[in-house]
């Protein structure tokens, strides 16, 4: 008896999620982890732009570090946008994995990375990564088969959602004394670092769980 399409898609989703978990700390996923850091930093910058500010520069480092220097804008929203922004990007990318025009989505994503890298990234590593990743996504979206593109978008979206959760746990809950968005926000609002970490982690887990259930229910 042939496997139903819904069952097959559910198995692909679960196998992909398990594969990402097993390969998390390997070089295979390193480019995607750096990409999620870029999404994190771009989220800070876009929040500043949307609230009347400007992006001075974005820096990426090989150790999965990043920094966004902004001018003006709403400080509260700009600081909050990093972890939650990479989660939102992951949800958005996941939602496009089954689009009939998924190739167009990947190509537009690559083009956006190229443009934003050229405009705002000001570190040698970040520039090199942004240009290579953007070109790969742009060419992949135009030349790879539809099923491969859809799976790649699934991998990128899942990685971004998982990274948001793990990053909050590592940077805020496990090491509250580490300089982080939560520490700067704590100084601004006088709300403890751990409180921001718990709030962001709760939101991230709830959204991730909703996305996974929704995706599996659709098959």
N, C-alpha and C. Protein backbone atom coordinates (compact mmCIF):
# COMPACT_ATOMS: atom_id res chain seq x y z
N UNK A 1 0.85 -1.19 0.00
CA UNK A 1 0.00 0.00 0.00
C UNK A 1 0.89 1.24 0.00
N UNK A 2 0.72 2.14 -0.98
CA UNK A 2 1.57 3.33 -1.04
C UNK A 2 1.33 4.27 0.14
N UNK A 3 2.40 4.95 0.55
CA UNK A 3 2.29 5.89 1.66
C UNK A 3 1.56 7.15 1.21
N UNK A 4 0.63 7.60 2.05
CA UNK A 4 -0.12 8.81 1.72
C UNK A 4 0.80 10.03 1.73
N UNK A 5 0.54 11.03 0.87
CA UNK A 5 1.40 12.23 0.83
C UNK A 5 1.52 12.92 2.17
N UNK A 6 0.40 12.97 2.92
CA UNK A 6 0.45 13.64 4.23
C UNK A 6 1.39 12.91 5.18
N UNK A 7 1.29 11.59 5.19
CA UNK A 7 2.17 10.81 6.07
C UNK A 7 3.63 10.97 5.65
N UNK A 8 3.88 10.95 4.35
CA UNK A 8 5.25 11.11 3.86
C UNK A 8 5.83 12.47 4.26
N UNK A 9 5.03 13.53 4.10
CA UNK A 9 5.52 14.87 4.46
C UNK A 9 5.79 14.99 5.95
N UNK A 10 4.94 14.33 6.76
CA UNK A 10 5.16 14.36 8.21
C UNK A 10 6.45 13.65 8.58
N UNK A 11 6.72 12.52 7.93
CA UNK A 11 7.95 11.78 8.21
C UNK A 11 9.18 12.57 7.77
N UNK A 12 9.08 13.26 6.64
CA UNK A 12 10.19 14.10 6.19
C UNK A 12 10.45 15.22 7.20
N UNK A 13 9.38 15.83 7.69
CA UNK A 13 9.52 16.92 8.67
C UNK A 13 10.20 16.41 9.94
N UNK A 14 9.72 15.27 10.47
CA UNK A 14 10.28 14.75 11.71
C UNK A 14 11.72 14.28 11.52
N UNK A 15 12.00 13.64 10.39
CA UNK A 15 13.36 13.18 10.12
C UNK A 15 14.32 14.36 9.97
N UNK A 16 13.84 15.42 9.33
CA UNK A 16 14.68 16.61 9.17
C UNK A 16 14.97 17.27 10.51
N UNK A 17 13.94 17.39 11.36
CA UNK A 17 14.13 17.97 12.68
C UNK A 17 15.12 17.14 13.51
N UNK A 18 14.99 15.81 13.45
CA UNK A 18 15.90 14.93 14.19
C UNK A 18 17.32 15.05 13.65
N UNK A 19 17.45 15.12 12.33
CA UNK A 19 18.77 15.27 11.73
C UNK A 19 19.45 16.56 12.15
N UNK A 20 18.69 17.65 12.22
CA UNK A 20 19.25 18.93 12.66
C UNK A 20 19.76 18.84 14.09
N UNK A 21 18.98 18.17 14.94
CA UNK A 21 19.38 18.02 16.35
C UNK A 21 20.68 17.20 16.44
N UNK A 22 20.74 16.09 15.71
CA UNK A 22 21.92 15.22 15.78
C UNK A 22 23.17 15.88 15.21
N UNK A 23 22.98 16.74 14.21
CA UNK A 23 24.12 17.37 13.54
C UNK A 23 24.39 18.79 14.04
N UNK A 24 23.74 19.17 15.13
CA UNK A 24 23.75 20.58 15.56
C UNK A 24 25.14 21.15 15.71
N UNK A 25 26.03 20.45 16.37
CA UNK A 25 27.37 20.99 16.65
C UNK A 25 28.41 20.53 15.64
N UNK A 26 27.98 20.15 14.47
CA UNK A 26 28.92 19.69 13.44
C UNK A 26 29.13 20.79 12.40
N UNK A 27 30.22 20.69 11.64
CA UNK A 27 30.48 21.69 10.58
C UNK A 27 29.37 21.75 9.52
N UNK A 28 28.59 20.68 9.40
CA UNK A 28 27.53 20.65 8.38
C UNK A 28 26.53 21.77 8.59
N UNK A 29 26.18 22.03 9.85
CA UNK A 29 25.18 23.06 10.15
C UNK A 29 25.79 24.42 10.47
N UNK A 30 27.12 24.49 10.48
CA UNK A 30 27.76 25.77 10.82
C UNK A 30 27.29 26.93 9.95
N UNK A 31 27.23 26.78 8.61
CA UNK A 31 26.75 27.93 7.81
C UNK A 31 25.35 28.37 8.17
N UNK A 32 24.48 27.42 8.50
CA UNK A 32 23.10 27.79 8.87
C UNK A 32 23.06 28.49 10.22
N UNK A 33 23.93 28.08 11.14
CA UNK A 33 23.97 28.74 12.44
C UNK A 33 24.45 30.18 12.27
N UNK A 34 25.44 30.39 11.42
CA UNK A 34 25.90 31.75 11.14
C UNK A 34 24.79 32.56 10.48
N UNK A 35 24.05 31.93 9.58
CA UNK A 35 22.95 32.62 8.92
C UNK A 35 21.90 33.07 9.93
N UNK A 36 21.61 32.23 10.93
CA UNK A 36 20.63 32.62 11.94
C UNK A 36 21.16 33.78 12.78
N UNK A 37 22.46 33.80 13.04
CA UNK A 37 23.05 34.95 13.73
C UNK A 37 22.84 36.22 12.91
N UNK A 38 23.03 36.09 11.59
CA UNK A 38 22.78 37.24 10.71
C UNK A 38 21.32 37.68 10.79
N UNK A 39 20.38 36.73 10.81
CA UNK A 39 18.97 37.08 10.96
C UNK A 39 18.71 37.79 12.29
N UNK A 40 19.37 37.31 13.34
CA UNK A 40 19.26 37.93 14.66
C UNK A 40 19.69 39.40 14.60
N UNK A 41 20.85 39.63 14.01
CA UNK A 41 21.37 40.99 13.94
C UNK A 41 20.53 41.87 13.01
N UNK A 42 20.08 41.32 11.90
CA UNK A 42 19.22 42.09 10.99
C UNK A 42 17.90 42.45 11.66
N UNK A 43 17.42 41.59 12.53
CA UNK A 43 16.17 41.88 13.24
C UNK A 43 16.33 43.09 14.15
N UNK A 44 17.47 43.17 14.83
CA UNK A 44 17.76 44.38 15.60
C UNK A 44 17.71 45.61 14.70
N UNK A 45 18.42 45.52 13.57
CA UNK A 45 18.50 46.65 12.67
C UNK A 45 17.16 47.06 12.09
N UNK A 46 16.36 46.08 11.67
CA UNK A 46 15.05 46.39 11.09
C UNK A 46 14.12 47.01 12.13
N UNK A 47 14.21 46.55 13.38
CA UNK A 47 13.39 47.15 14.43
C UNK A 47 13.77 48.62 14.63
N UNK A 48 15.07 48.91 14.57
CA UNK A 48 15.50 50.30 14.68
C UNK A 48 14.99 51.13 13.51
N UNK A 49 15.10 50.58 12.29
CA UNK A 49 14.62 51.30 11.11
C UNK A 49 13.12 51.57 11.19
N UNK A 50 12.36 50.58 11.61
CA UNK A 50 10.89 50.71 11.65
C UNK A 50 10.42 51.66 12.73
N UNK A 51 11.27 51.94 13.69
CA UNK A 51 10.88 52.88 14.76
C UNK A 51 11.62 54.22 14.63
N UNK A 52 12.08 54.50 13.42
CA UNK A 52 12.65 55.82 13.15
C UNK A 52 14.14 55.95 13.31
N UNK A 53 14.83 54.84 13.52
CA UNK A 53 16.27 54.89 13.71
C UNK A 53 17.03 54.52 12.45
N UNK A 54 18.30 54.20 12.61
CA UNK A 54 19.15 53.85 11.47
C UNK A 54 20.14 52.77 11.90
N UNK A 55 20.60 52.01 10.91
CA UNK A 55 21.64 50.99 11.16
C UNK A 55 22.99 51.59 10.81
N UNK A 56 23.89 51.60 11.78
CA UNK A 56 25.25 52.05 11.53
C UNK A 56 26.09 50.95 10.90
N UNK A 57 26.08 49.78 11.51
CA UNK A 57 26.83 48.65 10.95
C UNK A 57 26.42 47.37 11.67
N UNK A 58 26.67 46.24 10.97
CA UNK A 58 26.46 44.91 11.52
C UNK A 58 27.78 44.15 11.41
N UNK A 59 28.14 43.46 12.48
CA UNK A 59 29.38 42.70 12.52
C UNK A 59 29.06 41.24 12.82
N UNK A 60 29.65 40.33 12.06
CA UNK A 60 29.56 38.90 12.32
C UNK A 60 30.97 38.37 12.55
N UNK A 61 31.11 37.41 13.46
CA UNK A 61 32.40 36.81 13.74
C UNK A 61 32.32 35.29 13.59
N UNK A 62 33.44 34.62 13.31
CA UNK A 62 33.42 33.17 13.05
C UNK A 62 32.94 32.34 14.24
N UNK A 63 32.99 32.88 15.46
CA UNK A 63 32.57 32.12 16.63
C UNK A 63 31.08 32.25 16.90
N UNK A 64 30.31 32.58 15.86
CA UNK A 64 28.86 32.73 15.93
C UNK A 64 28.45 33.93 16.78
N UNK A 65 29.32 34.92 16.82
CA UNK A 65 29.01 36.16 17.51
C UNK A 65 28.54 37.21 16.51
N UNK A 66 27.87 38.22 17.03
CA UNK A 66 27.41 39.29 16.17
C UNK A 66 27.09 40.54 16.98
N UNK A 67 27.08 41.67 16.30
CA UNK A 67 26.77 42.93 16.96
C UNK A 67 26.15 43.87 15.93
N UNK A 68 25.11 44.57 16.35
CA UNK A 68 24.46 45.57 15.49
C UNK A 68 24.52 46.91 16.19
N UNK A 69 25.10 47.88 15.53
CA UNK A 69 25.16 49.23 16.05
C UNK A 69 24.08 50.06 15.35
N UNK A 70 23.15 50.58 16.13
CA UNK A 70 22.07 51.39 15.57
C UNK A 70 22.10 52.79 16.17
N UNK A 71 21.40 53.69 15.49
CA UNK A 71 21.27 55.06 15.99
C UNK A 71 19.79 55.43 16.00
N UNK A 72 19.31 55.86 17.17
CA UNK A 72 17.91 56.26 17.28
C UNK A 72 16.99 55.05 17.30
N UNK A 73 15.70 55.31 17.10
CA UNK A 73 14.72 54.24 17.16
C UNK A 73 14.32 53.91 18.58
N UNK A 74 13.40 52.99 18.72
CA UNK A 74 12.91 52.58 20.04
C UNK A 74 13.86 51.52 20.62
N UNK A 75 14.54 51.86 21.68
CA UNK A 75 15.55 50.97 22.25
C UNK A 75 14.94 49.66 22.74
N UNK A 76 13.76 49.74 23.36
CA UNK A 76 13.12 48.54 23.89
C UNK A 76 12.82 47.54 22.78
N UNK A 77 12.19 48.02 21.71
CA UNK A 77 11.84 47.13 20.60
C UNK A 77 13.08 46.64 19.86
N UNK A 78 14.07 47.50 19.71
CA UNK A 78 15.29 47.11 19.02
C UNK A 78 16.01 46.00 19.77
N UNK A 79 16.12 46.13 21.08
CA UNK A 79 16.78 45.11 21.88
C UNK A 79 16.00 43.81 21.92
N UNK A 80 14.68 43.89 21.93
CA UNK A 80 13.84 42.70 22.02
C UNK A 80 13.77 41.94 20.70
N UNK A 81 14.14 42.60 19.62
CA UNK A 81 13.90 42.02 18.29
C UNK A 81 14.88 40.94 17.89
N UNK A 82 16.00 40.81 18.58
CA UNK A 82 17.03 39.86 18.14
C UNK A 82 16.59 38.41 18.20
N UNK A 83 16.41 37.88 19.42
CA UNK A 83 16.03 36.48 19.58
C UNK A 83 14.65 36.20 18.98
N UNK A 84 13.68 37.07 19.28
CA UNK A 84 12.33 36.86 18.76
C UNK A 84 12.28 37.07 17.26
N UNK A 85 13.17 37.93 16.74
CA UNK A 85 13.21 38.16 15.31
C UNK A 85 13.70 36.94 14.54
N UNK A 86 14.75 36.27 15.05
CA UNK A 86 15.23 35.08 14.37
C UNK A 86 14.19 33.97 14.43
N UNK A 87 13.41 33.93 15.51
CA UNK A 87 12.29 32.98 15.60
C UNK A 87 11.24 33.30 14.54
N UNK A 88 10.89 34.59 14.42
CA UNK A 88 9.89 35.00 13.44
C UNK A 88 10.34 34.69 12.01
N UNK A 89 11.63 34.93 11.73
CA UNK A 89 12.15 34.60 10.42
C UNK A 89 12.05 33.11 10.15
N UNK A 90 12.34 32.30 11.17
CA UNK A 90 12.22 30.86 11.01
C UNK A 90 10.81 30.42 10.69
N UNK A 91 9.83 31.00 11.40
CA UNK A 91 8.42 30.68 11.14
C UNK A 91 8.04 31.08 9.72
N UNK A 92 8.47 32.27 9.30
CA UNK A 92 8.15 32.75 7.96
C UNK A 92 8.75 31.85 6.89
N UNK A 93 10.01 31.47 7.06
CA UNK A 93 10.67 30.61 6.08
C UNK A 93 10.01 29.23 6.04
N UNK A 94 9.67 28.69 7.21
CA UNK A 94 8.98 27.40 7.26
C UNK A 94 7.66 27.44 6.51
N UNK A 95 6.95 28.54 6.64
CA UNK A 95 5.63 28.64 6.01
C UNK A 95 5.71 28.66 4.49
N UNK A 96 6.89 28.94 3.94
CA UNK A 96 7.04 29.00 2.48
C UNK A 96 7.59 27.71 1.88
N UNK A 97 7.93 26.74 2.74
CA UNK A 97 8.61 25.53 2.25
C UNK A 97 7.77 24.75 1.25
N UNK A 98 6.44 24.86 1.34
CA UNK A 98 5.58 24.10 0.45
C UNK A 98 4.94 24.97 -0.62
N UNK A 99 5.39 26.19 -0.76
CA UNK A 99 4.88 27.05 -1.82
C UNK A 99 5.20 26.45 -3.19
N UNK A 100 4.30 26.64 -4.13
CA UNK A 100 4.56 26.17 -5.50
C UNK A 100 5.73 26.93 -6.12
N UNK A 101 5.92 28.16 -5.66
CA UNK A 101 7.02 29.00 -6.16
C UNK A 101 8.14 29.08 -5.12
N UNK A 102 8.43 27.97 -4.46
CA UNK A 102 9.46 27.95 -3.42
C UNK A 102 10.81 28.40 -3.96
N UNK A 103 11.08 28.10 -5.21
CA UNK A 103 12.34 28.54 -5.81
C UNK A 103 12.46 30.04 -5.83
N UNK A 104 11.35 30.71 -6.10
CA UNK A 104 11.35 32.17 -6.09
C UNK A 104 11.64 32.70 -4.68
N UNK A 105 11.06 32.00 -3.67
CA UNK A 105 11.27 32.42 -2.28
C UNK A 105 12.74 32.34 -1.92
N UNK A 106 13.39 31.21 -2.25
CA UNK A 106 14.80 31.04 -1.92
C UNK A 106 15.66 32.06 -2.67
N UNK A 107 15.31 32.32 -3.93
CA UNK A 107 16.07 33.30 -4.70
C UNK A 107 15.92 34.71 -4.13
N UNK A 108 14.70 35.07 -3.72
CA UNK A 108 14.46 36.39 -3.11
C UNK A 108 15.20 36.49 -1.78
N UNK A 109 15.21 35.40 -1.02
CA UNK A 109 15.96 35.38 0.24
C UNK A 109 17.43 35.63 -0.01
N UNK A 110 17.98 34.95 -1.02
CA UNK A 110 19.39 35.15 -1.36
C UNK A 110 19.67 36.58 -1.79
N UNK A 111 18.79 37.14 -2.62
CA UNK A 111 18.98 38.52 -3.07
C UNK A 111 18.91 39.49 -1.90
N UNK A 112 17.98 39.26 -0.98
CA UNK A 112 17.86 40.12 0.20
C UNK A 112 19.12 40.07 1.05
N UNK A 113 19.68 38.87 1.22
CA UNK A 113 20.92 38.73 2.00
C UNK A 113 22.06 39.49 1.32
N UNK A 114 22.15 39.40 0.00
CA UNK A 114 23.20 40.12 -0.73
C UNK A 114 23.07 41.63 -0.54
N UNK A 115 21.85 42.14 -0.69
CA UNK A 115 21.64 43.59 -0.59
C UNK A 115 21.91 44.08 0.83
N UNK A 116 21.35 43.38 1.83
CA UNK A 116 21.52 43.81 3.22
C UNK A 116 22.97 43.69 3.66
N UNK A 117 23.66 42.66 3.17
CA UNK A 117 25.08 42.51 3.49
C UNK A 117 25.88 43.68 2.93
N UNK A 118 25.61 44.02 1.68
CA UNK A 118 26.34 45.12 1.06
C UNK A 118 26.05 46.46 1.75
N UNK A 119 24.83 46.63 2.22
CA UNK A 119 24.45 47.91 2.84
C UNK A 119 24.97 48.06 4.26
N UNK A 120 24.95 46.97 5.04
CA UNK A 120 25.14 47.14 6.47
C UNK A 120 26.26 46.32 7.12
N UNK A 121 26.65 45.19 6.55
CA UNK A 121 27.65 44.35 7.21
C UNK A 121 29.04 44.95 6.98
N UNK A 122 29.79 45.10 8.06
CA UNK A 122 31.08 45.79 7.99
C UNK A 122 32.20 45.01 8.65
N UNK A 123 32.14 43.70 8.60
CA UNK A 123 33.27 42.87 9.05
C UNK A 123 33.66 41.97 7.89
N UNK A 124 34.95 41.66 7.79
CA UNK A 124 35.43 40.86 6.66
C UNK A 124 34.75 39.50 6.62
N UNK A 125 34.65 38.84 7.78
CA UNK A 125 34.01 37.54 7.82
C UNK A 125 32.54 37.66 7.43
N UNK A 126 31.85 38.66 7.98
CA UNK A 126 30.44 38.85 7.70
C UNK A 126 30.17 39.15 6.23
N UNK A 127 31.02 39.98 5.64
CA UNK A 127 30.87 40.30 4.22
C UNK A 127 31.06 39.05 3.35
N UNK A 128 32.10 38.29 3.66
CA UNK A 128 32.35 37.09 2.89
C UNK A 128 31.23 36.08 3.02
N UNK A 129 30.78 35.90 4.25
CA UNK A 129 29.70 34.94 4.47
C UNK A 129 28.41 35.38 3.78
N UNK A 130 28.04 36.65 3.97
CA UNK A 130 26.80 37.15 3.39
C UNK A 130 26.79 37.03 1.87
N UNK A 131 27.91 37.35 1.25
CA UNK A 131 27.98 37.27 -0.20
C UNK A 131 27.90 35.83 -0.69
N UNK A 132 28.62 34.92 -0.04
CA UNK A 132 28.60 33.51 -0.46
C UNK A 132 27.23 32.88 -0.20
N UNK A 133 26.66 33.14 0.97
CA UNK A 133 25.37 32.55 1.31
C UNK A 133 24.29 33.11 0.39
N UNK A 134 24.32 34.42 0.17
CA UNK A 134 23.33 35.04 -0.68
C UNK A 134 23.39 34.52 -2.11
N UNK A 135 24.59 34.38 -2.65
CA UNK A 135 24.75 33.86 -4.00
C UNK A 135 24.29 32.41 -4.10
N UNK A 136 24.63 31.61 -3.09
CA UNK A 136 24.22 30.21 -3.09
C UNK A 136 22.70 30.09 -3.06
N UNK A 137 22.04 30.90 -2.22
CA UNK A 137 20.58 30.85 -2.15
C UNK A 137 19.94 31.35 -3.44
N UNK A 138 20.51 32.41 -4.01
CA UNK A 138 19.97 32.96 -5.25
C UNK A 138 20.07 31.94 -6.39
N UNK A 139 21.25 31.33 -6.55
CA UNK A 139 21.43 30.36 -7.62
C UNK A 139 20.65 29.08 -7.35
N UNK A 140 20.60 28.66 -6.08
CA UNK A 140 19.85 27.46 -5.73
C UNK A 140 18.37 27.62 -6.00
N UNK A 141 17.84 28.78 -5.69
CA UNK A 141 16.42 29.03 -5.94
C UNK A 141 16.07 28.99 -7.41
N UNK A 142 17.02 29.35 -8.25
CA UNK A 142 16.76 29.41 -9.69
C UNK A 142 17.03 28.08 -10.41
N UNK A 143 17.91 27.24 -9.83
CA UNK A 143 18.36 26.07 -10.58
C UNK A 143 18.01 24.73 -9.96
N UNK A 144 17.79 24.68 -8.65
CA UNK A 144 17.53 23.39 -8.02
C UNK A 144 16.08 22.95 -8.24
N UNK A 145 15.83 21.64 -8.20
CA UNK A 145 14.46 21.13 -8.34
C UNK A 145 13.55 21.62 -7.21
N UNK A 146 12.27 21.69 -7.50
CA UNK A 146 11.30 22.23 -6.54
C UNK A 146 11.36 21.50 -5.20
N UNK A 147 11.41 20.17 -5.22
CA UNK A 147 11.40 19.41 -3.97
C UNK A 147 12.65 19.70 -3.13
N UNK A 148 13.78 19.84 -3.79
CA UNK A 148 15.02 20.14 -3.07
C UNK A 148 14.94 21.52 -2.43
N UNK A 149 14.42 22.50 -3.17
CA UNK A 149 14.28 23.86 -2.63
C UNK A 149 13.35 23.86 -1.43
N UNK A 150 12.21 23.15 -1.55
CA UNK A 150 11.28 23.08 -0.43
C UNK A 150 11.92 22.48 0.81
N UNK A 151 12.73 21.43 0.61
CA UNK A 151 13.41 20.80 1.75
C UNK A 151 14.45 21.74 2.35
N UNK A 152 15.17 22.47 1.51
CA UNK A 152 16.16 23.42 2.01
C UNK A 152 15.50 24.51 2.85
N UNK A 153 14.34 25.01 2.40
CA UNK A 153 13.62 26.02 3.18
C UNK A 153 13.15 25.44 4.51
N UNK A 154 12.76 24.16 4.49
CA UNK A 154 12.37 23.49 5.73
C UNK A 154 13.55 23.43 6.69
N UNK A 155 14.72 23.07 6.19
CA UNK A 155 15.92 22.98 7.03
C UNK A 155 16.29 24.34 7.61
N UNK A 156 16.28 25.37 6.77
CA UNK A 156 16.63 26.72 7.23
C UNK A 156 15.63 27.21 8.27
N UNK A 157 14.33 27.01 8.00
CA UNK A 157 13.31 27.47 8.94
C UNK A 157 13.39 26.77 10.28
N UNK A 158 13.56 25.45 10.25
CA UNK A 158 13.67 24.69 11.50
C UNK A 158 14.92 25.10 12.28
N UNK A 159 16.03 25.26 11.58
CA UNK A 159 17.27 25.67 12.25
C UNK A 159 17.11 27.02 12.93
N UNK A 160 16.45 27.95 12.27
CA UNK A 160 16.27 29.28 12.84
C UNK A 160 15.38 29.22 14.09
N UNK A 161 14.31 28.43 14.04
CA UNK A 161 13.44 28.29 15.21
C UNK A 161 14.18 27.65 16.38
N UNK A 162 14.92 26.57 16.09
CA UNK A 162 15.66 25.89 17.16
C UNK A 162 16.76 26.77 17.73
N UNK A 163 17.46 27.49 16.87
CA UNK A 163 18.56 28.33 17.32
C UNK A 163 18.06 29.42 18.27
N UNK A 164 16.88 29.97 17.96
CA UNK A 164 16.34 31.02 18.83
C UNK A 164 16.14 30.49 20.24
N UNK A 165 15.59 29.30 20.36
CA UNK A 165 15.36 28.70 21.68
C UNK A 165 16.68 28.41 22.38
N UNK A 166 17.60 27.75 21.68
CA UNK A 166 18.87 27.36 22.29
C UNK A 166 19.75 28.57 22.62
N UNK A 167 19.68 29.60 21.79
CA UNK A 167 20.48 30.80 22.01
C UNK A 167 20.03 31.53 23.27
N UNK A 168 18.73 31.62 23.46
CA UNK A 168 18.21 32.27 24.68
C UNK A 168 18.66 31.48 25.91
N UNK A 169 18.53 30.17 25.85
CA UNK A 169 18.94 29.34 26.99
C UNK A 169 20.43 29.51 27.28
N UNK A 170 21.26 29.49 26.23
CA UNK A 170 22.71 29.57 26.43
C UNK A 170 23.16 30.95 26.87
N UNK A 171 22.68 31.99 26.20
CA UNK A 171 23.18 33.35 26.45
C UNK A 171 22.55 34.03 27.65
N UNK A 172 21.32 33.68 27.97
CA UNK A 172 20.59 34.42 29.01
C UNK A 172 20.39 33.58 30.26
N UNK A 173 19.87 32.38 30.12
CA UNK A 173 19.54 31.58 31.30
C UNK A 173 20.78 30.89 31.89
N UNK A 174 21.61 30.30 31.03
CA UNK A 174 22.78 29.59 31.53
C UNK A 174 23.90 30.52 31.96
N UNK A 175 24.00 31.68 31.28
CA UNK A 175 25.09 32.63 31.58
C UNK A 175 24.53 34.04 31.70
N UNK A 176 23.76 34.31 32.77
CA UNK A 176 23.10 35.61 32.90
C UNK A 176 24.07 36.80 33.03
N UNK A 177 25.33 36.52 33.40
CA UNK A 177 26.30 37.61 33.52
C UNK A 177 26.95 37.97 32.19
N UNK A 178 26.67 37.17 31.16
CA UNK A 178 27.24 37.44 29.84
C UNK A 178 26.63 38.70 29.24
N UNK A 179 27.44 39.57 28.62
CA UNK A 179 26.86 40.72 27.92
C UNK A 179 25.90 40.23 26.83
N UNK A 180 24.66 40.67 26.89
CA UNK A 180 23.65 40.18 25.95
C UNK A 180 22.55 41.23 25.80
N UNK A 181 21.63 40.96 24.87
CA UNK A 181 20.49 41.85 24.71
C UNK A 181 19.69 41.96 26.00
N UNK A 182 19.55 40.82 26.68
CA UNK A 182 18.77 40.81 27.92
C UNK A 182 19.43 41.66 29.01
N UNK A 183 20.76 41.63 29.08
CA UNK A 183 21.45 42.44 30.09
C UNK A 183 21.29 43.93 29.81
N UNK A 184 21.42 44.32 28.55
CA UNK A 184 21.23 45.74 28.20
C UNK A 184 19.78 46.15 28.47
N UNK A 185 18.84 45.27 28.13
CA UNK A 185 17.43 45.57 28.36
C UNK A 185 17.13 45.66 29.85
N UNK A 186 17.82 44.83 30.64
CA UNK A 186 17.65 44.88 32.09
C UNK A 186 18.11 46.22 32.65
N UNK A 187 19.21 46.73 32.13
CA UNK A 187 19.70 48.03 32.56
C UNK A 187 18.75 49.15 32.16
N UNK A 188 18.09 48.97 31.04
CA UNK A 188 17.16 49.98 30.55
C UNK A 188 15.84 49.98 31.33
N UNK A 189 15.36 48.77 31.68
CA UNK A 189 14.02 48.65 32.27
C UNK A 189 14.04 48.33 33.77
N UNK A 190 15.22 47.94 34.30
CA UNK A 190 15.37 47.51 35.69
C UNK A 190 14.61 46.21 35.98
N UNK A 191 14.31 45.46 34.93
CA UNK A 191 13.73 44.12 35.06
C UNK A 191 14.88 43.12 34.98
N UNK A 192 14.97 42.13 35.88
CA UNK A 192 16.12 41.22 35.91
C UNK A 192 16.35 40.51 34.58
N UNK A 193 17.63 40.21 34.34
CA UNK A 193 18.02 39.52 33.12
C UNK A 193 17.26 38.20 32.96
N UNK A 194 17.20 37.42 34.05
CA UNK A 194 16.54 36.12 33.97
C UNK A 194 15.07 36.25 33.63
N UNK A 195 14.45 37.33 34.07
CA UNK A 195 13.03 37.53 33.74
C UNK A 195 12.83 37.68 32.24
N UNK A 196 13.72 38.45 31.61
CA UNK A 196 13.64 38.60 30.15
C UNK A 196 13.92 37.27 29.47
N UNK A 197 14.89 36.53 29.99
CA UNK A 197 15.21 35.23 29.41
C UNK A 197 14.05 34.27 29.48
N UNK A 198 13.41 34.20 30.65
CA UNK A 198 12.26 33.30 30.81
C UNK A 198 11.11 33.72 29.90
N UNK A 199 10.86 35.02 29.81
CA UNK A 199 9.79 35.51 28.95
C UNK A 199 10.05 35.16 27.49
N UNK A 200 11.27 35.47 27.01
CA UNK A 200 11.60 35.20 25.61
C UNK A 200 11.60 33.70 25.32
N UNK A 201 12.12 32.91 26.27
CA UNK A 201 12.15 31.47 26.07
C UNK A 201 10.73 30.91 26.03
N UNK A 202 9.86 31.41 26.91
CA UNK A 202 8.48 30.95 26.91
C UNK A 202 7.77 31.25 25.60
N UNK A 203 7.98 32.47 25.09
CA UNK A 203 7.38 32.84 23.80
C UNK A 203 7.94 31.96 22.69
N UNK A 204 9.25 31.75 22.70
CA UNK A 204 9.89 30.96 21.64
C UNK A 204 9.40 29.51 21.66
N UNK A 205 9.33 28.92 22.84
CA UNK A 205 8.87 27.53 22.93
C UNK A 205 7.42 27.40 22.50
N UNK A 206 6.57 28.36 22.92
CA UNK A 206 5.16 28.31 22.55
C UNK A 206 4.98 28.44 21.03
N UNK A 207 5.70 29.38 20.44
CA UNK A 207 5.59 29.58 18.99
C UNK A 207 6.16 28.36 18.24
N UNK A 208 7.30 27.86 18.68
CA UNK A 208 7.90 26.70 18.02
C UNK A 208 6.96 25.49 18.11
N UNK A 209 6.39 25.26 19.26
CA UNK A 209 5.46 24.14 19.43
C UNK A 209 4.24 24.30 18.53
N UNK A 210 3.70 25.52 18.45
CA UNK A 210 2.56 25.79 17.57
C UNK A 210 2.91 25.53 16.12
N UNK A 211 4.07 25.99 15.70
CA UNK A 211 4.50 25.79 14.32
C UNK A 211 4.66 24.31 14.00
N UNK A 212 5.30 23.56 14.90
CA UNK A 212 5.54 22.14 14.66
C UNK A 212 4.20 21.39 14.59
N UNK A 213 3.30 21.68 15.51
CA UNK A 213 1.99 21.01 15.50
C UNK A 213 1.21 21.36 14.25
N UNK A 214 1.24 22.62 13.88
CA UNK A 214 0.52 23.06 12.69
C UNK A 214 1.07 22.40 11.43
N UNK A 215 2.40 22.34 11.37
CA UNK A 215 3.03 21.71 10.21
C UNK A 215 2.68 20.22 10.12
N UNK A 216 2.73 19.54 11.26
CA UNK A 216 2.44 18.09 11.27
C UNK A 216 0.96 17.83 11.01
N UNK A 217 0.09 18.69 11.51
CA UNK A 217 -1.34 18.48 11.28
C UNK A 217 -1.69 18.65 9.81
N UNK A 218 -0.96 19.55 9.16
CA UNK A 218 -1.16 19.71 7.73
C UNK A 218 -0.55 18.57 6.95
N UNK A 219 0.55 18.04 7.55
CA UNK A 219 1.27 16.98 6.86
C UNK A 219 2.15 17.54 5.79
